[in-house]
């Protein structure tokens, strides 16, 4: 298992980065939470989790998921251990809310917050709480990379990047575009991650 990757960030967007290590580029899927931490960095260390992909009964490779903090990786792995929560859904959860908010929701049995996330129904929300309540710790593990100041780019570029990220997270392009247009009207200077977080609340 690859525990972490440490190298140059050759490419980054809100859903994945490419880490260059000695000329070899690793595509690593990330949450919006991690993107906020690495977007202004030239290099980074990401704690990783390898998820095997299945097509029917056959293995079809694997995806790497990376996290700026080890505590976020631990929460991701706990989430995907629950039946009905796949890697994509877990990433949407960690893009919709901060890791500590999800932990607190599990500990306080806040089914409403968990169920508000795309891909999580009432039964799955109950299962997440039931299976993880005893495993979740309020305080996370070691901190990797701290949050950094946001960059200011033209809002139309931010909107396009946010749209691409939402589509990559599994949302329909037309619906995501409609929601983003409304958000941009009221907050034209919003950063990419702000647009995505607001859109996730409305989709």
N, C-alpha and C. Protein backbone atom coordinates (compact mmCIF):
# COMPACT_ATOMS: atom_id res chain seq x y z
N UNK A 1 0.84 -1.20 0.00
CA UNK A 1 0.00 0.00 0.00
C UNK A 1 0.87 1.26 0.00
N UNK A 2 0.46 2.25 -0.77
CA UNK A 2 1.18 3.53 -0.81
C UNK A 2 0.66 4.40 0.33
N UNK A 3 1.50 4.69 1.30
CA UNK A 3 1.08 5.44 2.48
C UNK A 3 0.96 6.93 2.19
N UNK A 4 1.90 7.46 1.41
CA UNK A 4 1.83 8.87 1.03
C UNK A 4 2.70 9.11 -0.20
N UNK A 5 2.44 10.24 -0.85
CA UNK A 5 3.24 10.67 -1.99
C UNK A 5 3.75 12.07 -1.69
N UNK A 6 5.01 12.30 -1.98
CA UNK A 6 5.64 13.58 -1.71
C UNK A 6 6.35 14.04 -2.98
N UNK A 7 5.86 15.09 -3.60
CA UNK A 7 6.49 15.54 -4.83
C UNK A 7 5.91 16.84 -5.35
N UNK A 8 6.27 17.17 -6.57
CA UNK A 8 5.84 18.41 -7.21
C UNK A 8 4.41 18.26 -7.72
N UNK A 9 3.61 19.30 -7.52
CA UNK A 9 2.24 19.29 -8.03
C UNK A 9 2.26 19.80 -9.47
N UNK A 10 2.31 18.85 -10.41
CA UNK A 10 2.40 19.21 -11.83
C UNK A 10 1.07 19.74 -12.35
N UNK A 11 -0.03 19.30 -11.75
CA UNK A 11 -1.36 19.76 -12.16
C UNK A 11 -2.29 19.63 -10.96
N UNK A 12 -3.24 20.56 -10.86
CA UNK A 12 -4.20 20.47 -9.76
C UNK A 12 -5.51 21.14 -10.16
N UNK A 13 -6.60 20.52 -9.77
CA UNK A 13 -7.92 21.12 -9.87
C UNK A 13 -8.74 20.62 -8.68
N UNK A 14 -9.98 21.06 -8.51
CA UNK A 14 -10.70 20.71 -7.28
C UNK A 14 -11.00 19.23 -7.08
N UNK A 15 -10.80 18.39 -8.10
CA UNK A 15 -11.12 16.98 -7.94
C UNK A 15 -9.91 16.05 -7.99
N UNK A 16 -8.81 16.49 -8.58
CA UNK A 16 -7.61 15.66 -8.58
C UNK A 16 -6.36 16.48 -8.83
N UNK A 17 -5.22 15.90 -8.44
CA UNK A 17 -3.93 16.51 -8.72
C UNK A 17 -3.04 15.46 -9.38
N UNK A 18 -2.01 15.94 -10.04
CA UNK A 18 -0.97 15.04 -10.57
C UNK A 18 0.32 15.39 -9.84
N UNK A 19 0.85 14.41 -9.12
CA UNK A 19 2.09 14.61 -8.37
C UNK A 19 3.25 14.00 -9.16
N UNK A 20 4.24 14.83 -9.47
CA UNK A 20 5.42 14.39 -10.21
C UNK A 20 6.50 13.97 -9.21
N UNK A 21 6.85 12.69 -9.27
CA UNK A 21 7.91 12.15 -8.42
C UNK A 21 8.97 11.52 -9.31
N UNK A 22 10.09 12.21 -9.42
CA UNK A 22 11.19 11.72 -10.27
C UNK A 22 10.75 11.45 -11.71
N UNK A 23 9.92 12.35 -12.24
CA UNK A 23 9.49 12.24 -13.63
C UNK A 23 8.29 11.34 -13.86
N UNK A 24 7.78 10.73 -12.81
CA UNK A 24 6.61 9.87 -12.93
C UNK A 24 5.41 10.58 -12.32
N UNK A 25 4.34 10.75 -13.09
CA UNK A 25 3.18 11.48 -12.62
C UNK A 25 2.10 10.57 -12.07
N UNK A 26 1.70 10.81 -10.83
CA UNK A 26 0.64 10.04 -10.18
C UNK A 26 -0.63 10.87 -10.14
N UNK A 27 -1.71 10.35 -10.74
CA UNK A 27 -3.00 11.03 -10.64
C UNK A 27 -3.64 10.64 -9.33
N UNK A 28 -3.99 11.64 -8.51
CA UNK A 28 -4.53 11.40 -7.18
C UNK A 28 -5.85 12.15 -7.03
N UNK A 29 -6.92 11.43 -6.79
CA UNK A 29 -8.22 12.06 -6.55
C UNK A 29 -8.21 12.73 -5.18
N UNK A 30 -8.80 13.91 -5.10
CA UNK A 30 -8.80 14.64 -3.83
C UNK A 30 -10.20 15.18 -3.52
N UNK A 31 -10.39 15.54 -2.28
CA UNK A 31 -11.63 16.20 -1.85
C UNK A 31 -11.45 17.71 -1.97
N UNK A 32 -12.54 18.43 -1.89
CA UNK A 32 -12.47 19.89 -1.92
C UNK A 32 -11.72 20.41 -0.71
N UNK A 33 -11.85 19.71 0.40
CA UNK A 33 -11.14 20.09 1.62
C UNK A 33 -9.62 20.07 1.39
N UNK A 34 -9.13 19.03 0.75
CA UNK A 34 -7.69 18.94 0.47
C UNK A 34 -7.27 19.95 -0.59
N UNK A 35 -8.12 20.18 -1.58
CA UNK A 35 -7.80 21.18 -2.61
C UNK A 35 -7.56 22.55 -1.98
N UNK A 36 -8.36 22.89 -0.98
CA UNK A 36 -8.19 24.18 -0.30
C UNK A 36 -6.80 24.30 0.33
N UNK A 37 -6.23 23.16 0.74
CA UNK A 37 -4.93 23.16 1.39
C UNK A 37 -3.76 23.21 0.41
N UNK A 38 -3.95 22.64 -0.78
CA UNK A 38 -2.81 22.50 -1.69
C UNK A 38 -2.84 23.41 -2.90
N UNK A 39 -3.92 24.14 -3.10
CA UNK A 39 -4.09 24.87 -4.36
C UNK A 39 -2.99 25.89 -4.62
N UNK A 40 -2.36 26.43 -3.59
CA UNK A 40 -1.31 27.43 -3.79
C UNK A 40 0.10 26.87 -3.60
N UNK A 41 0.21 25.56 -3.47
CA UNK A 41 1.51 24.94 -3.25
C UNK A 41 2.12 24.43 -4.56
N UNK A 42 3.44 24.48 -4.65
CA UNK A 42 4.13 23.92 -5.80
C UNK A 42 4.44 22.44 -5.58
N UNK A 43 4.59 22.04 -4.34
CA UNK A 43 4.81 20.63 -4.01
C UNK A 43 4.07 20.32 -2.72
N UNK A 44 3.83 19.04 -2.48
CA UNK A 44 3.06 18.66 -1.30
C UNK A 44 3.26 17.19 -0.97
N UNK A 45 2.93 16.85 0.25
CA UNK A 45 2.85 15.45 0.67
C UNK A 45 1.40 15.14 0.93
N UNK A 46 0.88 14.14 0.24
CA UNK A 46 -0.50 13.73 0.43
C UNK A 46 -0.55 12.31 0.98
N UNK A 47 -1.32 12.12 2.05
CA UNK A 47 -1.55 10.79 2.58
C UNK A 47 -2.55 10.10 1.64
N UNK A 48 -2.27 8.87 1.26
CA UNK A 48 -3.06 8.24 0.21
C UNK A 48 -3.80 7.00 0.66
N UNK A 49 -4.86 6.72 -0.06
CA UNK A 49 -5.64 5.50 0.11
C UNK A 49 -5.89 4.92 -1.27
N UNK A 50 -5.61 3.64 -1.44
CA UNK A 50 -5.78 2.99 -2.74
C UNK A 50 -7.09 2.22 -2.75
N UNK A 51 -7.95 2.53 -3.71
CA UNK A 51 -9.27 1.90 -3.81
C UNK A 51 -9.31 1.06 -5.08
N UNK A 52 -9.56 -0.23 -4.93
CA UNK A 52 -9.62 -1.14 -6.07
C UNK A 52 -10.94 -0.94 -6.80
N UNK A 53 -10.86 -0.86 -8.12
CA UNK A 53 -12.06 -0.72 -8.95
C UNK A 53 -12.50 -2.09 -9.43
N UNK A 54 -13.80 -2.31 -9.42
CA UNK A 54 -14.36 -3.57 -9.91
C UNK A 54 -15.34 -3.32 -11.04
N UNK A 55 -15.28 -4.16 -12.05
CA UNK A 55 -16.27 -4.14 -13.13
C UNK A 55 -16.88 -5.53 -13.18
N UNK A 56 -18.08 -5.66 -12.61
CA UNK A 56 -18.68 -6.97 -12.49
C UNK A 56 -17.90 -7.79 -11.50
N UNK A 57 -17.42 -8.94 -11.94
CA UNK A 57 -16.63 -9.83 -11.08
C UNK A 57 -15.14 -9.63 -11.28
N UNK A 58 -14.76 -8.71 -12.15
CA UNK A 58 -13.36 -8.54 -12.50
C UNK A 58 -12.75 -7.28 -11.91
N UNK A 59 -11.51 -7.38 -11.48
CA UNK A 59 -10.77 -6.21 -11.02
C UNK A 59 -10.33 -5.43 -12.24
N UNK A 60 -10.48 -4.12 -12.21
CA UNK A 60 -10.14 -3.31 -13.38
C UNK A 60 -9.13 -2.21 -13.05
N UNK A 61 -8.34 -2.41 -12.01
CA UNK A 61 -7.34 -1.41 -11.65
C UNK A 61 -7.64 -0.80 -10.30
N UNK A 62 -7.06 0.37 -10.06
CA UNK A 62 -7.29 1.04 -8.78
C UNK A 62 -7.20 2.54 -8.95
N UNK A 63 -7.79 3.23 -8.01
CA UNK A 63 -7.71 4.70 -7.95
C UNK A 63 -6.99 5.10 -6.68
N UNK A 64 -6.20 6.16 -6.77
CA UNK A 64 -5.54 6.71 -5.59
C UNK A 64 -6.31 7.94 -5.12
N UNK A 65 -6.57 8.00 -3.82
CA UNK A 65 -7.19 9.17 -3.21
C UNK A 65 -6.18 9.77 -2.24
N UNK A 66 -6.03 11.08 -2.30
CA UNK A 66 -5.03 11.74 -1.47
C UNK A 66 -5.64 12.78 -0.54
N UNK A 67 -5.00 12.97 0.61
CA UNK A 67 -5.54 13.87 1.63
C UNK A 67 -4.42 14.67 2.28
N UNK A 68 -4.68 15.95 2.51
CA UNK A 68 -3.68 16.82 3.10
C UNK A 68 -3.42 16.47 4.55
N UNK A 69 -4.40 15.88 5.21
CA UNK A 69 -4.26 15.50 6.61
C UNK A 69 -4.54 14.01 6.78
N UNK A 70 -3.76 13.38 7.62
CA UNK A 70 -3.94 11.95 7.86
C UNK A 70 -5.30 11.65 8.47
N UNK A 71 -5.80 12.57 9.27
CA UNK A 71 -7.11 12.37 9.90
C UNK A 71 -8.22 12.31 8.85
N UNK A 72 -8.06 13.06 7.76
CA UNK A 72 -9.08 13.02 6.70
C UNK A 72 -9.01 11.67 5.98
N UNK A 73 -7.80 11.17 5.76
CA UNK A 73 -7.67 9.85 5.13
C UNK A 73 -8.33 8.78 6.00
N UNK A 74 -8.09 8.85 7.30
CA UNK A 74 -8.66 7.87 8.22
C UNK A 74 -10.19 7.90 8.17
N UNK A 75 -10.76 9.10 8.10
CA UNK A 75 -12.21 9.22 8.03
C UNK A 75 -12.73 8.67 6.70
N UNK A 76 -12.02 8.97 5.61
CA UNK A 76 -12.38 8.44 4.29
C UNK A 76 -12.44 6.92 4.32
N UNK A 77 -11.43 6.30 4.90
CA UNK A 77 -11.37 4.83 4.94
C UNK A 77 -12.46 4.25 5.84
N UNK A 78 -12.82 4.97 6.89
CA UNK A 78 -13.94 4.53 7.72
C UNK A 78 -15.25 4.61 6.93
N UNK A 79 -15.42 5.69 6.20
CA UNK A 79 -16.65 5.88 5.43
C UNK A 79 -16.83 4.80 4.37
N UNK A 80 -15.77 4.47 3.64
CA UNK A 80 -15.92 3.48 2.57
C UNK A 80 -16.02 2.06 3.11
N UNK A 81 -15.79 1.89 4.41
CA UNK A 81 -15.97 0.57 5.01
C UNK A 81 -17.44 0.27 5.26
N UNK A 82 -18.28 1.29 5.16
CA UNK A 82 -19.72 1.13 5.38
C UNK A 82 -20.37 0.67 4.08
N UNK A 83 -21.17 -0.37 4.16
CA UNK A 83 -21.87 -0.88 2.98
C UNK A 83 -22.79 0.20 2.41
N UNK A 84 -22.64 0.50 1.13
CA UNK A 84 -23.46 1.52 0.49
C UNK A 84 -22.74 2.85 0.32
N UNK A 85 -21.55 2.98 0.89
CA UNK A 85 -20.76 4.20 0.74
C UNK A 85 -19.50 3.87 -0.07
N UNK A 86 -19.50 4.27 -1.32
CA UNK A 86 -18.34 4.04 -2.17
C UNK A 86 -17.35 5.19 -2.06
N UNK A 87 -16.24 5.05 -2.78
CA UNK A 87 -15.20 6.08 -2.73
C UNK A 87 -15.71 7.43 -3.25
N UNK A 88 -16.51 7.39 -4.32
CA UNK A 88 -17.02 8.64 -4.90
C UNK A 88 -17.94 9.36 -3.92
N UNK A 89 -18.81 8.60 -3.25
CA UNK A 89 -19.72 9.19 -2.27
C UNK A 89 -18.95 9.74 -1.08
N UNK A 90 -17.94 8.99 -0.63
CA UNK A 90 -17.13 9.47 0.50
C UNK A 90 -16.42 10.77 0.14
N UNK A 91 -15.96 10.88 -1.11
CA UNK A 91 -15.29 12.12 -1.52
C UNK A 91 -16.29 13.28 -1.57
N UNK A 92 -17.51 13.02 -2.02
CA UNK A 92 -18.54 14.07 -2.02
C UNK A 92 -18.82 14.52 -0.59
N UNK A 93 -18.85 13.57 0.35
CA UNK A 93 -19.07 13.91 1.76
C UNK A 93 -17.98 14.84 2.27
N UNK A 94 -16.73 14.51 1.92
CA UNK A 94 -15.59 15.30 2.39
C UNK A 94 -15.42 16.60 1.60
N UNK A 95 -16.18 16.74 0.52
CA UNK A 95 -16.18 17.99 -0.23
C UNK A 95 -17.33 18.89 0.22
N UNK A 96 -18.37 18.27 0.78
CA UNK A 96 -19.54 19.02 1.23
C UNK A 96 -19.35 19.61 2.62
N UNK A 97 -18.65 18.86 3.48
CA UNK A 97 -18.46 19.29 4.86
C UNK A 97 -17.02 19.03 5.29
N UNK A 98 -16.57 19.76 6.29
CA UNK A 98 -15.25 19.53 6.85
C UNK A 98 -15.26 18.19 7.59
N UNK A 99 -14.10 17.52 7.65
CA UNK A 99 -14.03 16.24 8.35
C UNK A 99 -14.57 16.29 9.77
N UNK A 100 -14.26 17.36 10.50
CA UNK A 100 -14.73 17.44 11.88
C UNK A 100 -16.25 17.57 11.96
N UNK A 101 -16.86 18.19 10.92
CA UNK A 101 -18.32 18.29 10.90
C UNK A 101 -18.96 16.92 10.70
N UNK A 102 -18.34 16.11 9.86
CA UNK A 102 -18.87 14.76 9.62
C UNK A 102 -18.71 13.91 10.88
N UNK A 103 -17.53 14.02 11.52
CA UNK A 103 -17.32 13.28 12.76
C UNK A 103 -18.35 13.67 13.82
N UNK A 104 -18.56 14.96 13.97
CA UNK A 104 -19.52 15.44 14.96
C UNK A 104 -20.94 14.98 14.64
N UNK A 105 -21.27 14.94 13.34
CA UNK A 105 -22.60 14.48 12.93
C UNK A 105 -22.80 13.01 13.28
N UNK A 106 -21.74 12.23 13.11
CA UNK A 106 -21.82 10.80 13.46
C UNK A 106 -21.96 10.64 14.97
N UNK A 107 -21.15 11.37 15.71
CA UNK A 107 -21.16 11.25 17.18
C UNK A 107 -22.48 11.74 17.78
N UNK A 108 -23.07 12.76 17.18
CA UNK A 108 -24.32 13.32 17.70
C UNK A 108 -25.55 12.68 17.05
N UNK A 109 -25.30 11.69 16.17
CA UNK A 109 -26.36 10.97 15.46
C UNK A 109 -27.24 11.92 14.65
N UNK A 110 -26.58 12.85 13.98
CA UNK A 110 -27.27 13.84 13.14
C UNK A 110 -27.53 13.24 11.76
N UNK A 111 -28.58 12.47 11.66
CA UNK A 111 -28.90 11.81 10.39
C UNK A 111 -29.22 12.82 9.29
N UNK A 112 -29.82 13.93 9.66
CA UNK A 112 -30.20 14.94 8.67
C UNK A 112 -29.02 15.47 7.90
N UNK A 113 -27.94 15.78 8.60
CA UNK A 113 -26.75 16.31 7.91
C UNK A 113 -26.16 15.27 6.98
N UNK A 114 -26.04 14.04 7.45
CA UNK A 114 -25.45 12.99 6.62
C UNK A 114 -26.34 12.68 5.42
N UNK A 115 -27.64 12.67 5.63
CA UNK A 115 -28.57 12.36 4.56
C UNK A 115 -28.65 13.49 3.52
N UNK A 116 -28.22 14.68 3.90
CA UNK A 116 -28.28 15.82 2.96
C UNK A 116 -27.23 15.71 1.87
N UNK A 117 -26.31 14.77 1.99
CA UNK A 117 -25.22 14.60 1.02
C UNK A 117 -25.69 13.72 -0.13
N UNK A 118 -25.35 14.12 -1.35
CA UNK A 118 -25.75 13.36 -2.53
C UNK A 118 -25.25 11.92 -2.42
N UNK A 119 -26.16 10.97 -2.68
CA UNK A 119 -25.79 9.57 -2.65
C UNK A 119 -26.05 8.88 -1.33
N UNK A 120 -26.47 9.66 -0.32
CA UNK A 120 -26.75 9.09 0.99
C UNK A 120 -28.25 9.15 1.27
N UNK A 121 -28.87 7.97 1.37
CA UNK A 121 -30.29 7.89 1.70
C UNK A 121 -30.47 7.65 3.19
N UNK A 122 -31.74 7.56 3.65
CA UNK A 122 -32.02 7.38 5.08
C UNK A 122 -31.37 6.12 5.66
N UNK A 123 -31.47 5.00 4.94
CA UNK A 123 -30.91 3.75 5.45
C UNK A 123 -29.39 3.82 5.57
N UNK A 124 -28.76 4.41 4.56
CA UNK A 124 -27.30 4.51 4.59
C UNK A 124 -26.84 5.47 5.68
N UNK A 125 -27.57 6.56 5.88
CA UNK A 125 -27.24 7.52 6.94
C UNK A 125 -27.28 6.83 8.31
N UNK A 126 -28.32 6.02 8.53
CA UNK A 126 -28.42 5.29 9.79
C UNK A 126 -27.27 4.31 9.94
N UNK A 127 -26.91 3.66 8.83
CA UNK A 127 -25.83 2.67 8.85
C UNK A 127 -24.49 3.32 9.16
N UNK A 128 -24.25 4.50 8.58
CA UNK A 128 -23.00 5.23 8.83
C UNK A 128 -22.86 5.52 10.32
N UNK A 129 -23.93 6.01 10.92
CA UNK A 129 -23.90 6.35 12.35
C UNK A 129 -23.72 5.10 13.21
N UNK A 130 -24.50 4.06 12.90
CA UNK A 130 -24.47 2.84 13.69
C UNK A 130 -23.10 2.18 13.66
N UNK A 131 -22.50 2.10 12.46
CA UNK A 131 -21.24 1.38 12.30
C UNK A 131 -20.01 2.18 12.70
N UNK A 132 -20.11 3.52 12.63
CA UNK A 132 -18.91 4.33 12.83
C UNK A 132 -18.87 5.11 14.14
N UNK A 133 -19.97 5.17 14.84
CA UNK A 133 -20.00 6.02 16.04
C UNK A 133 -18.91 5.65 17.04
N UNK A 134 -18.69 4.36 17.23
CA UNK A 134 -17.69 3.93 18.20
C UNK A 134 -16.26 4.04 17.66
N UNK A 135 -16.14 4.21 16.34
CA UNK A 135 -14.81 4.26 15.72
C UNK A 135 -14.30 5.68 15.50
N UNK A 136 -15.24 6.61 15.48
CA UNK A 136 -14.88 7.99 15.17
C UNK A 136 -14.36 8.71 16.42
N UNK A 137 -13.29 9.43 16.27
CA UNK A 137 -12.72 10.21 17.37
C UNK A 137 -12.89 11.68 17.02
N UNK A 138 -13.31 12.49 18.02
CA UNK A 138 -13.57 13.91 17.75
C UNK A 138 -12.35 14.62 17.20
N UNK A 139 -11.21 14.43 17.87
CA UNK A 139 -10.01 15.10 17.39
C UNK A 139 -9.33 14.23 16.36
N UNK A 140 -8.98 14.82 15.20
CA UNK A 140 -8.37 14.07 14.12
C UNK A 140 -6.94 13.71 14.42
N UNK A 141 -6.31 13.06 13.45
CA UNK A 141 -4.91 12.65 13.61
C UNK A 141 -3.97 13.80 13.33
N UNK A 142 -2.77 13.46 12.89
CA UNK A 142 -1.75 14.48 12.67
C UNK A 142 -2.12 15.38 11.51
N UNK A 143 -1.76 16.64 11.63
CA UNK A 143 -2.05 17.61 10.58
C UNK A 143 -0.96 17.59 9.52
N UNK A 144 -1.40 17.61 8.28
CA UNK A 144 -0.43 17.63 7.18
C UNK A 144 -0.18 19.05 6.74
N UNK A 145 -1.03 19.56 5.85
CA UNK A 145 -0.84 20.88 5.27
C UNK A 145 -1.93 21.81 5.76
N UNK A 146 -1.58 23.00 6.14
CA UNK A 146 -2.56 23.95 6.63
C UNK A 146 -3.27 24.65 5.49
N UNK A 147 -4.40 25.24 5.80
CA UNK A 147 -5.13 25.98 4.78
C UNK A 147 -4.35 27.22 4.37
N UNK A 148 -4.50 27.60 3.10
CA UNK A 148 -3.75 28.72 2.57
C UNK A 148 -4.69 29.79 2.03
N UNK A 149 -4.20 31.01 1.84
CA UNK A 149 -5.05 32.05 1.27
C UNK A 149 -5.55 31.63 -0.10
N UNK A 150 -6.76 32.07 -0.43
CA UNK A 150 -7.35 31.74 -1.71
C UNK A 150 -6.83 32.67 -2.79
N UNK A 151 -6.77 32.14 -3.99
CA UNK A 151 -6.33 32.96 -5.11
C UNK A 151 -7.53 33.70 -5.69
N UNK A 152 -7.29 34.83 -6.28
CA UNK A 152 -8.34 35.60 -6.92
C UNK A 152 -8.19 35.52 -8.43
N UNK A 153 -9.14 34.83 -9.08
CA UNK A 153 -9.14 34.72 -10.53
C UNK A 153 -10.49 35.18 -11.03
N UNK A 154 -10.62 35.51 -12.32
CA UNK A 154 -11.91 35.97 -12.84
C UNK A 154 -13.01 34.97 -12.52
N UNK A 155 -14.19 35.50 -12.13
CA UNK A 155 -15.25 34.62 -11.66
C UNK A 155 -15.72 33.65 -12.73
N UNK A 156 -15.62 34.04 -14.03
CA UNK A 156 -16.08 33.12 -15.06
C UNK A 156 -15.16 31.91 -15.15
N UNK A 157 -13.86 32.12 -14.93
CA UNK A 157 -12.92 31.01 -14.91
C UNK A 157 -13.20 30.13 -13.70
N UNK A 158 -13.47 30.73 -12.57
CA UNK A 158 -13.81 29.97 -11.37
C UNK A 158 -15.08 29.17 -11.57
N UNK A 159 -16.05 29.77 -12.23
CA UNK A 159 -17.31 29.07 -12.47
C UNK A 159 -17.09 27.85 -13.36
N UNK A 160 -16.29 28.01 -14.40
CA UNK A 160 -16.01 26.89 -15.30
C UNK A 160 -15.28 25.77 -14.58
N UNK A 161 -14.34 26.15 -13.72
CA UNK A 161 -13.59 25.14 -12.97
C UNK A 161 -14.49 24.44 -11.96
N UNK A 162 -15.36 25.21 -11.34
CA UNK A 162 -16.31 24.63 -10.38
C UNK A 162 -17.27 23.68 -11.09
N UNK A 163 -17.70 24.06 -12.28
CA UNK A 163 -18.60 23.20 -13.05
C UNK A 163 -17.93 21.87 -13.40
N UNK A 164 -16.68 21.95 -13.84
CA UNK A 164 -15.95 20.73 -14.17
C UNK A 164 -15.81 19.82 -12.95
N UNK A 165 -15.56 20.42 -11.80
CA UNK A 165 -15.41 19.65 -10.57
C UNK A 165 -16.72 18.97 -10.19
N UNK A 166 -17.83 19.70 -10.30
CA UNK A 166 -19.13 19.13 -9.94
C UNK A 166 -19.52 17.98 -10.86
N UNK A 167 -19.21 18.13 -12.13
CA UNK A 167 -19.47 17.04 -13.09
C UNK A 167 -18.62 15.82 -12.74
N UNK A 168 -17.36 16.07 -12.36
CA UNK A 168 -16.46 14.97 -11.98
C UNK A 168 -16.95 14.28 -10.71
N UNK A 169 -17.66 15.02 -9.85
CA UNK A 169 -18.19 14.45 -8.62
C UNK A 169 -19.50 13.69 -8.85
N UNK A 170 -20.00 13.73 -10.09
CA UNK A 170 -21.18 12.93 -10.41
C UNK A 170 -22.48 13.69 -10.62
N UNK A 171 -22.41 15.02 -10.63
CA UNK A 171 -23.62 15.80 -10.83
C UNK A 171 -23.86 16.06 -12.32
N UNK A 172 -25.12 16.20 -12.71
CA UNK A 172 -25.46 16.49 -14.10
C UNK A 172 -25.01 17.91 -14.45
N UNK A 173 -24.41 18.03 -15.62
CA UNK A 173 -23.83 19.32 -16.03
C UNK A 173 -24.86 20.43 -16.07
N UNK A 174 -26.02 20.16 -16.66
CA UNK A 174 -27.04 21.21 -16.81
C UNK A 174 -27.53 21.71 -15.46
N UNK A 175 -27.78 20.78 -14.54
CA UNK A 175 -28.25 21.18 -13.21
C UNK A 175 -27.18 21.96 -12.46
N UNK A 176 -25.93 21.49 -12.54
CA UNK A 176 -24.83 22.17 -11.86
C UNK A 176 -24.62 23.57 -12.43
N UNK A 177 -24.70 23.69 -13.73
CA UNK A 177 -24.49 24.99 -14.39
C UNK A 177 -25.56 25.99 -13.96
N UNK A 178 -26.79 25.53 -13.85
CA UNK A 178 -27.89 26.39 -13.45
C UNK A 178 -27.70 26.92 -12.04
N UNK A 179 -27.30 26.04 -11.14
CA UNK A 179 -27.07 26.44 -9.75
C UNK A 179 -25.90 27.40 -9.64
N UNK A 180 -24.83 27.12 -10.37
CA UNK A 180 -23.64 27.98 -10.32
C UNK A 180 -23.93 29.38 -10.84
N UNK A 181 -24.75 29.49 -11.86
CA UNK A 181 -25.09 30.81 -12.40
C UNK A 181 -25.80 31.66 -11.36
N UNK A 182 -26.68 31.04 -10.58
CA UNK A 182 -27.38 31.77 -9.53
C UNK A 182 -26.41 32.23 -8.44
N UNK A 183 -25.46 31.35 -8.10
CA UNK A 183 -24.51 31.69 -7.05
C UNK A 183 -23.60 32.83 -7.49
N UNK A 184 -23.15 32.78 -8.73
CA UNK A 184 -22.24 33.80 -9.26
C UNK A 184 -22.90 35.18 -9.30
N UNK A 185 -24.20 35.19 -9.59
CA UNK A 185 -24.93 36.47 -9.63
C UNK A 185 -24.85 37.19 -8.29
N UNK A 186 -24.99 36.44 -7.21
CA UNK A 186 -24.99 37.05 -5.88
C UNK A 186 -23.60 37.16 -5.27
N UNK A 187 -22.63 36.42 -5.84
CA UNK A 187 -21.27 36.43 -5.28
C UNK A 187 -20.28 36.27 -6.43
N UNK A 188 -20.11 37.34 -7.19
CA UNK A 188 -19.32 37.26 -8.42
C UNK A 188 -17.83 37.00 -8.19
N UNK A 189 -17.33 37.35 -7.02
CA UNK A 189 -15.90 37.17 -6.78
C UNK A 189 -15.55 35.92 -6.01
N UNK A 190 -16.50 34.99 -5.89
CA UNK A 190 -16.28 33.80 -5.08
C UNK A 190 -15.18 32.90 -5.65
N UNK A 191 -14.38 32.34 -4.76
CA UNK A 191 -13.33 31.41 -5.16
C UNK A 191 -13.95 30.08 -5.58
N UNK A 192 -13.17 29.26 -6.26
CA UNK A 192 -13.67 28.00 -6.80
C UNK A 192 -14.29 27.13 -5.72
N UNK A 193 -13.56 26.94 -4.61
CA UNK A 193 -14.07 26.04 -3.58
C UNK A 193 -15.33 26.57 -2.92
N UNK A 194 -15.48 27.90 -2.86
CA UNK A 194 -16.69 28.50 -2.31
C UNK A 194 -17.87 28.20 -3.22
N UNK A 195 -17.66 28.34 -4.52
CA UNK A 195 -18.71 28.03 -5.50
C UNK A 195 -19.15 26.58 -5.39
N UNK A 196 -18.18 25.69 -5.28
CA UNK A 196 -18.51 24.26 -5.21
C UNK A 196 -19.27 23.94 -3.93
N UNK A 197 -18.80 24.46 -2.80
CA UNK A 197 -19.48 24.19 -1.53
C UNK A 197 -20.92 24.70 -1.54
N UNK A 198 -21.11 25.90 -2.10
CA UNK A 198 -22.47 26.45 -2.17
C UNK A 198 -23.33 25.62 -3.10
N UNK A 199 -22.76 25.18 -4.21
CA UNK A 199 -23.51 24.37 -5.17
C UNK A 199 -23.89 23.02 -4.56
N UNK A 200 -22.99 22.44 -3.79
CA UNK A 200 -23.27 21.14 -3.16
C UNK A 200 -24.45 21.23 -2.18
N UNK A 201 -24.66 22.42 -1.62
CA UNK A 201 -25.78 22.59 -0.70
C UNK A 201 -27.12 22.64 -1.45
N UNK A 202 -27.06 23.02 -2.74
CA UNK A 202 -28.29 23.24 -3.48
C UNK A 202 -28.62 22.13 -4.47
N UNK A 203 -27.64 21.30 -4.79
CA UNK A 203 -27.87 20.23 -5.76
C UNK A 203 -28.50 19.00 -5.11
